[in-house]
Structures are given as structure tokens and as C-alpha cells.
Amino acid sequence: MNIEQARYNMVEQQIRTWDVLNQDVLDLLFRLHREDFVPELRRAMAFVDMEIPLGHGQAMWTPKLEARIIQELVIRPTDRVLEIGTGSGYLTALLAADSAEVVSVDIVPEFTASATQTLRAHGIHNVSLHTGDAARDWPDDAGFDVIVLTGSTPLLSDAFRRRLKVGGRMFAIVGEAPVMQAQLITCTAPGATRSVVLFETCVAPLLNAPHPVAFVF
């Protein structure tokens, strides 16, 4: 397989056609080699428009979804980022490329360990990785400019909204299968946010994600 041709085809045929047109984002996808973050046995699938299984019921998002999110969040060099769900560490690396710091949390210890090695191998040092259950919150009094939930959640915890600094942006996929909404949530003032639905999709839920209270009559 011609890897560089496959990467070019991924960007031109999958990602550009999904309204990802920011040249800085596209350049980043050429610089940061996705195949290095894919499980070895599935390396040939690195540029395919599909979710790649990681084990533990989790999967890498499609390339176009990863790219779209980076474009929508408009990450700045001073931003402090919280990522819920490290997975392979590829999205972590994309988030780290233009931010000051990324705090990434995963409930699966194997993901944390593997991503730590891969990120270090790529010289990415502005990331701190933690193993823990952060589906409802990750206590941090300093707050964040960007928050990304890499799994869906039937109910978005208000705790994440409170972690956003004013001007901060959060990406979350909210709802239950078969239809979920990808939302961009912006903190407009202390305690106030606005939400925009970007598109509909369906991805695996975060482990232990909160659910709406069910009423029983």
C-alpha cells in the first residue's frame, strides 16, 4: 500500500467532502500519521472511512469525524483541553497540536498505557493522561477552554458545562441509538451556555454515561 497516497485520498475524498476546509486542520492530518495510532493488526485500515475497533467495546472515530471536530473547536495556543476517553491517543494528539495542554482521561488502563507510549514516541509532551471514570465529571478547579467527549452520552452532565471557562467550547454527542446529535456548546458567560447541533450521528457510548431519570407510573 502506498501510505502517502492513501493519506491523500483520505483527506481529499473523505474529509474535504465533509466540509472540513480549514487548511491548518488539513495540514495537521498530513503531519500527524494516523496509522501510528491504529492497533498493529488493523494498520491497513488507518485511512478507511470506518470506525476501527480498539477492544473493550470501543473504537476510533472515522477520520472525517475527528477532523470535523478539530475544525469546529478552533483550538488556540493558550487553550487548556479536557478529553474524556483517550482511546488510541490519536485525537489526543490532534488536540495537543495547537493547544497549551491536554488532560485526557480513560476508564480503560490499557488505553492510557498504550497512548502514553505512542504520544511520547511522537514527541508530544503537553498531554497528561489519567485512568479514571470521567463520564460524569473530572474535578479540576482550573477549568478548561475546550472539552471533548469521545463517546456518546444519553444525558450530558451539567458538571462539564461548569468546567468550561467563559468563551470555552465543548463537543459532545448526546442521545441514544439510532440517532444522536453532535453538539457544540459554548460558555457565553459565567453559568450560561448556548448549544448548536452540528449534525446527527451514532457512536458508542461512554462507559457509565449518565441516563435521564425514567418515570414509572
Protein backbone atom coordinates (compact mmCIF):
# COMPACT_ATOMS: atom_id res chain seq x y z
CA MET A 1 0.00 0.00 0.00
CA ASN A 2 1.22 3.49 -0.86
CA ILE A 3 0.67 5.12 2.52
CA GLU A 4 1.07 8.71 1.39
CA GLN A 5 -1.36 8.19 -1.48
CA ALA A 6 -3.84 6.59 0.95
CA ARG A 7 -3.46 9.56 3.30
CA TYR A 8 -4.01 11.99 0.44
CA ASN A 9 -7.12 10.11 -0.67
CA MET A 10 -8.45 10.15 2.90
CA VAL A 11 -8.11 13.92 3.12
CA GLU A 12 -9.40 14.71 -0.36
CA GLN A 13 -12.20 12.15 -0.68
CA GLN A 14 -13.48 11.78 2.89
CA ILE A 15 -12.53 14.85 4.88
CA ARG A 16 -12.80 17.75 2.42
CA THR A 17 -16.16 16.44 1.24
CA TRP A 18 -17.43 16.63 4.83
CA ASP A 19 -16.96 20.40 4.96
CA VAL A 20 -13.54 20.29 6.58
CA LEU A 21 -11.83 23.05 4.60
CA ASN A 22 -9.58 24.72 7.17
CA GLN A 23 -6.11 24.38 5.67
CA ASP A 24 -4.38 24.27 9.07
CA VAL A 25 -6.52 21.25 10.02
CA LEU A 26 -5.82 19.54 6.70
CA ASP A 27 -2.08 20.19 7.05
CA LEU A 28 -2.16 18.67 10.54
CA LEU A 29 -3.70 15.48 9.16
CA PHE A 30 -0.76 15.12 6.78
CA ARG A 31 1.80 15.78 9.54
CA LEU A 32 0.38 13.55 12.26
CA HIS A 33 0.43 9.98 11.00
CA ARG A 34 -2.84 8.28 11.89
CA GLU A 35 -1.52 4.80 11.10
CA ASP A 36 0.89 5.02 14.04
CA PHE A 37 -2.07 5.16 16.45
CA VAL A 38 -4.02 2.27 14.95
CA PRO A 39 -3.69 -1.22 16.50
CA GLU A 40 -0.98 -3.09 14.59
CA LEU A 41 -3.31 -5.76 13.24
CA ARG A 42 -5.60 -3.09 11.78
CA ARG A 43 -2.94 -0.73 10.44
CA ALA A 44 -4.11 -1.24 6.86
CA MET A 45 -7.48 0.25 7.87
CA ALA A 46 -5.99 3.53 9.11
CA PHE A 47 -7.32 5.61 6.21
CA VAL A 48 -10.64 3.86 5.65
CA ASP A 49 -13.94 5.68 6.28
CA MET A 50 -14.93 3.46 9.20
CA GLU A 51 -14.56 3.10 12.95
CA ILE A 52 -11.57 0.94 13.90
CA PRO A 53 -12.12 -1.41 16.88
CA LEU A 54 -9.77 -0.86 19.81
CA GLY A 55 -11.12 -3.54 22.13
CA HIS A 56 -13.16 -3.15 25.32
CA GLY A 57 -16.17 -2.27 23.17
CA GLN A 58 -14.55 0.97 21.99
CA ALA A 59 -13.42 2.20 18.57
CA MET A 60 -11.54 5.03 16.88
CA TRP A 61 -13.85 7.53 15.27
CA THR A 62 -13.86 7.87 11.49
CA PRO A 63 -11.19 10.20 10.10
CA LYS A 64 -13.79 12.72 8.90
CA LEU A 65 -15.40 12.93 12.35
CA GLU A 66 -12.05 13.54 14.05
CA ALA A 67 -11.15 16.26 11.53
CA ARG A 68 -14.55 17.96 11.72
CA ILE A 69 -14.34 18.21 15.49
CA ILE A 70 -10.87 19.78 15.41
CA GLN A 71 -12.16 22.34 12.91
CA GLU A 72 -15.29 23.16 14.92
CA LEU A 73 -13.40 23.65 18.21
CA VAL A 74 -10.99 26.27 16.78
CA ILE A 75 -8.25 25.39 19.25
CA ARG A 76 -5.91 28.21 20.27
CA PRO A 77 -2.31 28.08 21.54
CA THR A 78 -3.40 29.16 25.03
CA ASP A 79 -6.23 26.63 25.36
CA ARG A 80 -6.40 24.06 28.12
CA VAL A 81 -8.22 20.97 26.87
CA LEU A 82 -10.05 18.14 28.63
CA GLU A 83 -10.61 14.93 26.66
CA ILE A 84 -12.95 12.30 28.09
CA GLY A 85 -11.92 8.99 26.54
CA THR A 86 -8.31 8.71 25.36
CA GLY A 87 -8.74 5.59 23.23
CA SER A 88 -5.86 5.23 20.79
CA GLY A 89 -4.49 8.68 21.61
CA TYR A 90 -4.83 9.96 18.03
CA LEU A 91 -7.49 12.55 18.76
CA THR A 92 -5.47 13.44 21.87
CA ALA A 93 -2.52 14.20 19.61
CA LEU A 94 -4.66 16.30 17.27
CA LEU A 95 -5.95 18.29 20.24
CA ALA A 96 -2.42 18.74 21.60
CA ALA A 97 -1.02 20.05 18.30
CA ASP A 98 -2.34 23.59 18.73
CA SER A 99 -3.19 23.81 22.44
CA ALA A 100 -1.21 24.63 25.57
CA GLU A 101 -2.22 21.50 27.49
CA VAL A 102 -4.43 18.44 27.15
CA VAL A 103 -5.76 16.49 30.11
CA SER A 104 -7.03 13.14 28.84
CA VAL A 105 -8.87 10.55 30.93
CA ASP A 106 -9.84 6.98 30.07
CA ILE A 107 -11.54 4.32 32.17
CA VAL A 108 -9.51 1.54 30.48
CA PRO A 109 -5.95 1.32 31.90
CA GLU A 110 -4.63 -0.38 28.75
CA PHE A 111 -5.68 2.63 26.64
CA THR A 112 -3.90 5.03 28.99
CA ALA A 113 -0.70 2.97 28.93
CA SER A 114 -0.67 2.48 25.16
CA ALA A 115 -1.48 6.11 24.36
CA THR A 116 1.25 7.29 26.74
CA GLN A 117 3.86 5.31 24.80
CA THR A 118 2.61 6.41 21.39
CA LEU A 119 2.38 10.09 22.28
CA ARG A 120 5.89 10.06 23.78
CA ALA A 121 7.22 8.34 20.65
CA HIS A 122 5.84 11.25 18.63
CA GLY A 123 7.44 13.84 20.92
CA ILE A 124 4.09 15.08 22.27
CA HIS A 125 4.67 16.20 25.84
CA ASN A 126 1.89 18.72 26.57
CA VAL A 127 -0.51 15.91 27.49
CA SER A 128 -1.24 14.44 30.92
CA LEU A 129 -3.02 11.08 30.84
CA HIS A 130 -5.11 9.63 33.64
CA THR A 131 -7.03 6.43 34.23
CA GLY A 132 -10.44 7.02 35.78
CA ASP A 133 -14.19 7.23 35.32
CA ALA A 134 -14.90 10.70 33.93
CA ALA A 135 -18.23 10.08 32.21
CA ARG A 136 -19.96 12.50 34.60
CA ASP A 137 -17.15 14.86 35.61
CA TRP A 138 -13.42 15.28 36.03
CA PRO A 139 -12.76 17.53 39.03
CA ASP A 140 -10.36 20.31 38.14
CA ASP A 141 -10.81 23.76 39.63
CA ALA A 142 -8.71 25.49 36.96
CA GLY A 143 -11.38 24.90 34.32
CA PHE A 144 -10.98 24.26 30.60
CA ASP A 145 -11.18 26.20 27.35
CA VAL A 146 -12.09 23.07 25.39
CA ILE A 147 -13.82 19.83 26.44
CA VAL A 148 -14.32 16.82 24.15
CA LEU A 149 -16.34 13.72 24.99
CA THR A 150 -15.15 10.95 22.69
CA GLY A 151 -18.12 8.69 23.41
CA SER A 152 -21.81 9.47 23.29
CA THR A 153 -23.84 10.22 26.39
CA PRO A 154 -27.64 9.87 26.70
CA LEU A 155 -27.57 12.81 29.11
CA LEU A 156 -24.83 15.43 29.21
CA SER A 157 -23.72 16.05 32.77
CA ASP A 158 -24.04 19.69 33.85
CA ALA A 159 -20.69 19.30 35.58
CA PHE A 160 -18.92 19.61 32.23
CA ARG A 161 -20.68 22.88 31.47
CA ARG A 162 -19.44 24.20 34.81
CA ARG A 163 -15.86 23.22 33.91
CA LEU A 164 -15.91 25.46 30.83
CA LYS A 165 -14.26 28.85 31.07
CA VAL A 166 -16.07 31.81 29.53
CA GLY A 167 -15.55 31.52 25.79
CA GLY A 168 -14.85 27.81 26.16
CA ARG A 169 -16.19 25.23 23.71
CA MET A 170 -17.37 21.68 24.31
CA PHE A 171 -18.08 18.93 21.78
CA ALA A 172 -20.45 16.19 22.87
CA ILE A 173 -22.60 13.60 21.11
CA VAL A 174 -25.85 13.45 23.04
CA GLY A 175 -28.66 10.93 22.78
CA GLU A 176 -29.21 7.23 22.27
CA ALA A 177 -29.09 4.94 19.25
CA PRO A 178 -30.10 5.04 16.48
CA VAL A 179 -29.94 8.84 16.30
CA MET A 180 -27.69 11.11 18.34
CA GLN A 181 -26.89 14.80 18.00
CA ALA A 182 -23.36 16.15 17.77
CA GLN A 183 -23.43 19.42 19.70
CA LEU A 184 -21.06 22.35 20.05
CA ILE A 185 -21.66 24.03 23.41
CA THR A 186 -20.15 27.45 24.13
CA CYS A 187 -19.88 29.15 27.51
CA THR A 188 -21.13 32.69 26.89
CA ALA A 189 -20.95 33.98 30.49
CA PRO A 190 -20.42 32.50 33.95
CA GLY A 191 -23.06 29.78 34.32
CA ALA A 192 -24.51 30.38 30.82
CA THR A 193 -24.04 28.27 27.69
CA ARG A 194 -25.54 28.02 24.22
CA SER A 195 -25.73 24.87 22.12
CA VAL A 196 -25.67 24.33 18.37
CA VAL A 197 -26.49 21.00 16.72
CA LEU A 198 -23.81 20.29 14.12
CA PHE A 199 -25.05 17.01 12.66
CA GLU A 200 -26.61 13.67 13.53
CA THR A 201 -24.51 10.57 14.07
CA CYS A 202 -24.28 7.41 16.17
CA VAL A 203 -21.21 6.33 18.13
CA ALA A 204 -20.53 4.02 21.07
CA PRO A 205 -21.43 5.45 24.49
CA LEU A 206 -19.02 6.36 27.23
CA LEU A 207 -18.85 3.65 29.84
CA ASN A 208 -21.03 4.66 32.83
CA ALA A 209 -22.52 7.61 30.94
CA PRO A 210 -25.49 9.18 32.77
CA HIS A 211 -29.04 8.47 31.62
CA PRO A 212 -32.19 10.56 32.04
CA VAL A 213 -34.32 9.59 35.00
CA ALA A 214 -37.04 7.17 33.90
CA PHE A 215 -40.50 7.90 35.26
CA VAL A 216 -42.56 4.90 36.31
CA PHE A 217 -46.33 5.26 36.59
